[in-house]
Amino acid sequence: MPADSVHLNGRIVPAGQAAVSVFDAALMHGASVFTTMLARNGTVFRLDRHLARLMETAARMNLRTEATADGLASATRELLEANGLKEARLRITLSPGSTHGEEDSATTTLITADPLAGNPSRWYNHGIRVIVSSFRQFRGDPLGGFKTGCYLPRVLARREAAAKGAEESIWYTQDNCLAEACFCNVFLVLGGKVLTPPLETPVLAGIVRQAVLELCATLGVDCDERTSLTIHQMLAAEEMFLTSSISGIRSVIAVEKHDVGDGKPGPLTQRLMASYEELLNKECGQAGGMQGAER
């Protein structure tokens, strides 16, 4: 069920009364940037990193905004409290506002916070299936590696996966390098080593992606984020998993008709899942649990 209120342009507003201009650049041109975050026990996981990435993206896109990281942090906490939420899915969206010939028009800042829906326990206990997307990512794409309002290709690729009974779709570049999933970063385990595509592939600098890299260092697991990966490496991988803020870490057990490893969540993936759960509890406080039955 959606939350009762949103935070729009500096004010808490009933969700049913929230409105933006029909000429807003986000609507007219997809000119917006956003970030999606997880709140646990009333604390947003790595809020500062989400906000730093969001503001950097706005700057890289030359997107005009009046928002500041400090202001967004305060507004996010205010919205969680207003909606009485401890476990939540949050999204911050920034756009330059109206395109109707008003150079000094106000920009748009929208924050939503909804109750965290339970993800299927089978994702974590048994793993997920993915397909290889029919779409490609292109080096030099100005939107590549960023979370912007131009997400329709991702939605279409996700629908393509769902039509084939899969949960996600894996993207490759035009020169056949492994990139990412529609809404997730991708990791392989090959020869006991954790591999993930370089940021310049391009792929999103995911917050959970970075957390996994840090966990690998803590656990003494060899990890490489600098080497481009091929489809041959993906098919040879002993394990494969996806990461995202809301879904956490999910093991991939099959790509199309090809089983990954023995077709079950691998031991290193399970170890990282458990370590990530501990990290969430450490940084956000003990709560109901991100993964497991009846999530």
Protein backbone atom coordinates (compact mmCIF):
# COMPACT_ATOMS: atom_id res chain seq x y z
CA MET A 1 0.00 0.00 0.00
CA PRO A 2 1.45 3.42 -0.94
CA ALA A 3 2.38 5.77 1.86
CA ASP A 4 0.07 8.65 2.80
CA SER A 5 2.49 11.53 2.17
CA VAL A 6 5.35 12.58 -0.10
CA HIS A 7 7.95 15.32 0.25
CA LEU A 8 7.53 17.72 -2.66
CA ASN A 9 9.59 20.88 -3.09
CA GLY A 10 10.34 21.34 0.58
CA ARG A 11 6.95 20.36 2.03
CA ILE A 12 5.20 17.24 3.28
CA VAL A 13 2.17 16.86 1.02
CA PRO A 14 -0.65 14.27 1.02
CA ALA A 15 0.20 11.89 -1.82
CA GLY A 16 -3.20 12.40 -3.43
CA GLN A 17 -2.68 16.16 -3.58
CA ALA A 18 0.92 16.22 -4.81
CA ALA A 19 1.27 17.79 -8.27
CA VAL A 20 3.96 19.03 -10.65
CA SER A 21 3.66 21.15 -13.77
CA VAL A 22 2.50 19.43 -16.96
CA PHE A 23 5.50 21.19 -18.49
CA ASP A 24 8.00 19.66 -16.03
CA ALA A 25 11.14 18.55 -17.85
CA ALA A 26 10.88 15.11 -16.27
CA LEU A 27 7.54 14.62 -18.01
CA MET A 28 8.34 16.38 -21.27
CA HIS A 29 11.88 15.08 -21.86
CA GLY A 30 12.68 12.45 -19.23
CA ALA A 31 15.09 15.06 -17.83
CA SER A 32 15.42 13.82 -14.28
CA VAL A 33 17.81 11.91 -12.07
CA PHE A 34 16.91 9.69 -9.15
CA THR A 35 18.10 7.26 -6.53
CA THR A 36 16.27 4.42 -4.81
CA MET A 37 17.11 3.60 -1.20
CA LEU A 38 16.37 1.08 1.52
CA ALA A 39 15.35 2.11 5.02
CA ARG A 40 15.70 -0.40 7.82
CA ASN A 41 14.74 0.30 11.41
CA GLY A 42 14.12 3.92 10.43
CA THR A 43 17.64 4.37 9.02
CA VAL A 44 18.42 4.70 5.32
CA PHE A 45 21.29 2.42 4.37
CA ARG A 46 24.24 4.59 3.33
CA LEU A 47 22.11 7.67 2.74
CA ASP A 48 25.19 9.85 2.38
CA ARG A 49 26.51 7.74 -0.48
CA HIS A 50 23.17 7.75 -2.26
CA LEU A 51 23.01 11.53 -1.99
CA ALA A 52 26.60 12.03 -3.10
CA ARG A 53 25.97 9.92 -6.20
CA LEU A 54 22.67 11.69 -6.89
CA MET A 55 24.19 15.16 -6.70
CA GLU A 56 27.15 14.08 -8.82
CA THR A 57 24.76 12.68 -11.42
CA ALA A 58 22.79 15.93 -11.52
CA ALA A 59 26.04 17.85 -12.03
CA ARG A 60 27.24 15.45 -14.74
CA MET A 61 23.90 15.77 -16.54
CA ASN A 62 24.09 19.58 -16.16
CA LEU A 63 20.65 19.31 -14.57
CA ARG A 64 19.56 22.43 -12.72
CA THR A 65 18.42 21.75 -9.14
CA GLU A 66 17.96 23.70 -5.95
CA ALA A 67 18.38 20.57 -3.84
CA THR A 68 21.37 20.03 -1.57
CA ALA A 69 22.59 16.82 0.01
CA ASP A 70 21.98 18.17 3.54
CA GLY A 71 18.48 19.32 2.65
CA LEU A 72 17.62 15.99 1.04
CA ALA A 73 18.90 14.06 4.05
CA SER A 74 16.69 16.07 6.41
CA ALA A 75 13.68 15.78 4.11
CA THR A 76 14.13 12.02 3.80
CA ARG A 77 14.13 11.54 7.56
CA GLU A 78 11.17 13.90 7.91
CA LEU A 79 9.17 11.89 5.37
CA LEU A 80 9.91 8.56 7.06
CA GLU A 81 8.67 10.00 10.34
CA ALA A 82 5.58 11.55 8.75
CA ASN A 83 4.59 8.22 7.22
CA GLY A 84 5.45 6.28 10.36
CA LEU A 85 7.78 3.98 8.44
CA LYS A 86 10.72 1.97 9.74
CA GLU A 87 11.16 -0.45 6.81
CA ALA A 88 10.71 1.41 3.54
CA ARG A 89 11.56 1.83 -0.11
CA LEU A 90 12.46 5.44 -0.82
CA ARG A 91 13.07 7.31 -4.03
CA ILE A 92 14.41 10.82 -4.56
CA THR A 93 13.75 12.38 -7.97
CA LEU A 94 15.21 15.70 -9.14
CA SER A 95 14.21 17.60 -12.28
CA PRO A 96 14.91 21.15 -13.53
CA GLY A 97 11.19 21.98 -13.40
CA SER A 98 9.03 23.63 -16.04
CA THR A 99 10.19 23.83 -19.65
CA HIS A 100 7.57 26.48 -20.47
CA GLY A 101 9.99 29.30 -21.21
CA GLU A 102 10.61 30.15 -17.57
CA GLU A 103 14.38 30.33 -17.14
CA ASP A 104 14.17 31.00 -13.40
CA SER A 105 11.28 28.61 -12.67
CA ALA A 106 11.51 26.49 -9.54
CA THR A 107 13.08 23.07 -9.89
CA THR A 108 11.30 19.90 -8.79
CA THR A 109 12.38 17.79 -5.83
CA LEU A 110 10.25 14.77 -5.00
CA ILE A 111 10.82 12.16 -2.29
CA THR A 112 8.56 9.15 -1.86
CA ALA A 113 8.64 6.56 0.90
CA ASP A 114 6.53 3.42 0.71
CA PRO A 115 6.27 0.40 3.00
CA LEU A 116 8.85 -2.20 2.04
CA ALA A 117 7.06 -4.97 0.17
CA GLY A 118 8.16 -8.50 0.99
CA ASN A 119 10.34 -9.99 -1.75
CA PRO A 120 9.74 -13.67 -2.54
CA SER A 121 11.76 -15.90 -0.21
CA ARG A 122 12.61 -18.17 -3.17
CA TRP A 123 14.85 -15.40 -4.55
CA TYR A 124 17.17 -15.91 -1.60
CA ASN A 125 16.63 -19.57 -0.75
CA HIS A 126 16.67 -20.96 -4.29
CA GLY A 127 18.04 -18.19 -6.53
CA ILE A 128 16.66 -16.52 -9.66
CA ARG A 129 16.74 -17.05 -13.42
CA VAL A 130 17.82 -14.41 -15.93
CA ILE A 131 17.92 -13.95 -19.68
CA VAL A 132 20.35 -12.09 -21.93
CA SER A 133 18.69 -8.90 -23.10
CA SER A 134 18.11 -8.28 -26.80
CA PHE A 135 19.14 -4.65 -26.09
CA ARG A 136 22.70 -3.37 -25.77
CA GLN A 137 24.55 -0.69 -23.81
CA PHE A 138 26.77 1.68 -25.71
CA ARG A 139 30.05 3.20 -24.66
CA GLY A 140 29.75 6.96 -25.00
CA ASP A 141 26.03 6.99 -24.15
CA PRO A 142 25.72 10.17 -22.01
CA LEU A 143 23.19 8.39 -19.79
CA GLY A 144 25.24 5.21 -19.41
CA GLY A 145 26.05 4.35 -15.80
CA PHE A 146 23.56 6.86 -14.37
CA LYS A 147 20.07 6.66 -12.88
CA THR A 148 17.97 9.00 -15.00
CA GLY A 149 14.30 9.29 -15.90
CA CYS A 150 15.01 7.68 -19.29
CA TYR A 151 14.44 4.16 -17.99
CA LEU A 152 11.94 2.82 -20.53
CA PRO A 153 14.47 0.48 -22.23
CA ARG A 154 15.13 -1.07 -18.81
CA VAL A 155 11.42 -1.56 -18.22
CA LEU A 156 11.01 -3.17 -21.65
CA ALA A 157 13.94 -5.52 -21.04
CA ARG A 158 12.49 -6.50 -17.67
CA ARG A 159 9.18 -7.28 -19.36
CA GLU A 160 11.08 -9.38 -21.89
CA ALA A 161 12.55 -11.38 -19.00
CA ALA A 162 9.18 -11.80 -17.29
CA ALA A 163 7.65 -13.09 -20.54
CA LYS A 164 10.27 -15.85 -20.50
CA GLY A 165 9.70 -16.74 -16.86
CA ALA A 166 12.85 -14.97 -15.62
CA GLU A 167 13.36 -12.29 -12.96
CA GLU A 168 15.98 -10.15 -14.69
CA SER A 169 17.65 -9.41 -18.00
CA ILE A 170 21.43 -9.19 -18.45
CA TRP A 171 22.80 -6.43 -20.66
CA TYR A 172 25.94 -6.60 -22.80
CA THR A 173 27.70 -3.75 -24.58
CA GLN A 174 27.79 -3.36 -28.35
CA ASP A 175 31.24 -4.99 -28.29
CA ASN A 176 29.95 -7.96 -26.23
CA CYS A 177 31.27 -7.08 -22.80
CA LEU A 178 29.16 -7.99 -19.78
CA ALA A 179 27.55 -4.87 -18.31
CA GLU A 180 24.70 -5.16 -15.78
CA ALA A 181 21.10 -6.22 -15.31
CA CYS A 182 18.11 -3.89 -15.86
CA PHE A 183 18.07 -2.63 -12.28
CA CYS A 184 21.02 -4.46 -10.70
CA ASN A 185 24.78 -4.82 -10.83
CA VAL A 186 26.10 -8.24 -11.78
CA PHE A 187 28.90 -10.33 -10.25
CA LEU A 188 30.54 -13.60 -11.31
CA VAL A 189 32.55 -16.07 -9.26
CA LEU A 190 35.21 -17.73 -11.37
CA GLY A 191 38.04 -19.80 -9.91
CA GLY A 192 37.01 -18.64 -6.45
CA LYS A 193 37.49 -15.00 -7.47
CA VAL A 194 34.69 -12.42 -7.47
CA LEU A 195 34.46 -10.45 -10.73
CA THR A 196 32.26 -7.49 -11.67
CA PRO A 197 32.35 -5.23 -14.75
CA PRO A 198 34.34 -1.97 -14.51
CA LEU A 199 32.38 1.24 -13.99
CA GLU A 200 33.56 2.56 -17.35
CA THR A 201 31.80 -0.35 -19.15
CA PRO A 202 29.53 1.69 -18.41
CA VAL A 203 27.63 0.41 -15.38
CA LEU A 204 25.99 2.09 -12.42
CA ALA A 205 28.18 2.73 -9.38
CA GLY A 206 25.73 0.78 -7.23
CA ILE A 207 25.70 1.36 -3.49
CA VAL A 208 25.35 -2.37 -2.78
CA ARG A 209 27.94 -3.10 -5.49
CA GLN A 210 30.42 -1.06 -3.49
CA ALA A 211 29.32 -2.73 -0.25
CA VAL A 212 30.06 -6.15 -1.78
CA LEU A 213 33.52 -5.01 -2.85
CA GLU A 214 34.17 -3.86 0.72
CA LEU A 215 32.85 -7.14 2.12
CA CYS A 216 35.16 -9.10 -0.17
CA ALA A 217 38.11 -7.13 1.18
CA THR A 218 36.98 -7.77 4.78
CA LEU A 219 36.49 -11.49 4.15
CA GLY A 220 39.78 -11.86 2.30
CA VAL A 221 38.06 -12.79 -0.96
CA ASP A 222 39.97 -11.94 -4.13
CA CYS A 223 37.97 -9.47 -6.22
CA ASP A 224 38.44 -7.74 -9.58
CA GLU A 225 36.41 -4.74 -10.78
CA ARG A 226 38.85 -3.54 -13.43
CA THR A 227 38.73 -6.24 -16.11
CA SER A 228 36.07 -6.43 -18.84
CA LEU A 229 34.09 -9.68 -18.83
CA THR A 230 32.80 -11.77 -21.73
CA ILE A 231 29.88 -14.09 -22.27
CA HIS A 232 32.32 -17.01 -22.13
CA GLN A 233 33.31 -16.04 -18.59
CA MET A 234 29.67 -15.73 -17.60
CA LEU A 235 28.90 -19.20 -18.95
CA ALA A 236 32.00 -20.64 -17.21
CA ALA A 237 31.21 -18.99 -13.85
CA GLU A 238 30.78 -21.24 -10.81
CA GLU A 239 28.46 -18.67 -9.25
CA MET A 240 26.66 -15.52 -10.31
CA PHE A 241 24.70 -12.95 -8.33
CA LEU A 242 22.97 -9.58 -8.67
CA THR A 243 22.96 -6.64 -6.26
CA SER A 244 20.56 -3.75 -5.75
CA SER A 245 19.42 -1.51 -2.91
CA ILE A 246 15.96 -3.00 -2.51
CA SER A 247 16.60 -6.65 -3.44
CA GLY A 248 20.00 -6.92 -1.78
CA ILE A 249 22.03 -9.89 -3.07
CA ARG A 250 20.32 -12.53 -5.17
CA SER A 251 21.98 -15.66 -6.53
CA VAL A 252 21.52 -16.36 -10.24
CA ILE A 253 21.07 -20.09 -10.81
CA ALA A 254 20.39 -20.05 -14.57
CA VAL A 255 21.00 -17.86 -17.61
CA GLU A 256 18.41 -18.76 -20.24
CA LYS A 257 18.65 -22.61 -20.38
CA HIS A 258 22.20 -22.67 -18.99
CA ASP A 259 22.60 -23.61 -15.32
CA VAL A 260 25.11 -21.55 -13.35
CA GLY A 261 27.34 -23.97 -11.44
CA ASP A 262 25.16 -26.75 -10.07
CA GLY A 263 21.99 -24.70 -10.45
CA LYS A 264 21.87 -23.74 -6.77
CA PRO A 265 23.02 -20.68 -4.79
CA GLY A 266 26.79 -21.05 -4.42
CA PRO A 267 28.72 -21.05 -1.13
CA LEU A 268 30.54 -17.77 -1.73
CA THR A 269 27.33 -16.01 -2.73
CA GLN A 270 25.63 -17.31 0.41
CA ARG A 271 28.57 -16.14 2.50
CA LEU A 272 28.31 -12.65 1.00
CA MET A 273 24.53 -12.63 1.52
CA ALA A 274 25.02 -13.40 5.20
CA SER A 275 27.76 -10.79 5.54
CA TYR A 276 25.62 -8.18 3.83
CA GLU A 277 22.79 -8.92 6.25
CA GLU A 278 25.21 -8.36 9.12
CA LEU A 279 26.34 -5.10 7.54
CA LEU A 280 22.74 -3.87 7.28
CA ASN A 281 22.14 -4.70 10.91
CA LYS A 282 25.37 -3.00 11.94
CA GLU A 283 24.72 0.24 10.04
CA CYS A 284 20.94 0.41 10.40
CA GLY A 285 20.31 -1.40 13.67
CA GLN A 286 18.61 -4.73 14.29
CA ALA A 287 15.24 -5.11 12.64
CA GLY A 288 12.98 -7.64 10.97
CA GLY A 289 15.56 -8.99 8.53
CA MET A 290 16.17 -8.17 4.89
CA GLN A 291 16.25 -11.72 3.63
CA GLY A 292 14.43 -14.91 4.45
CA ALA A 293 10.87 -16.18 4.52
CA GLU A 294 7.95 -13.75 4.53
CA ARG A 295 10.21 -10.80 3.75
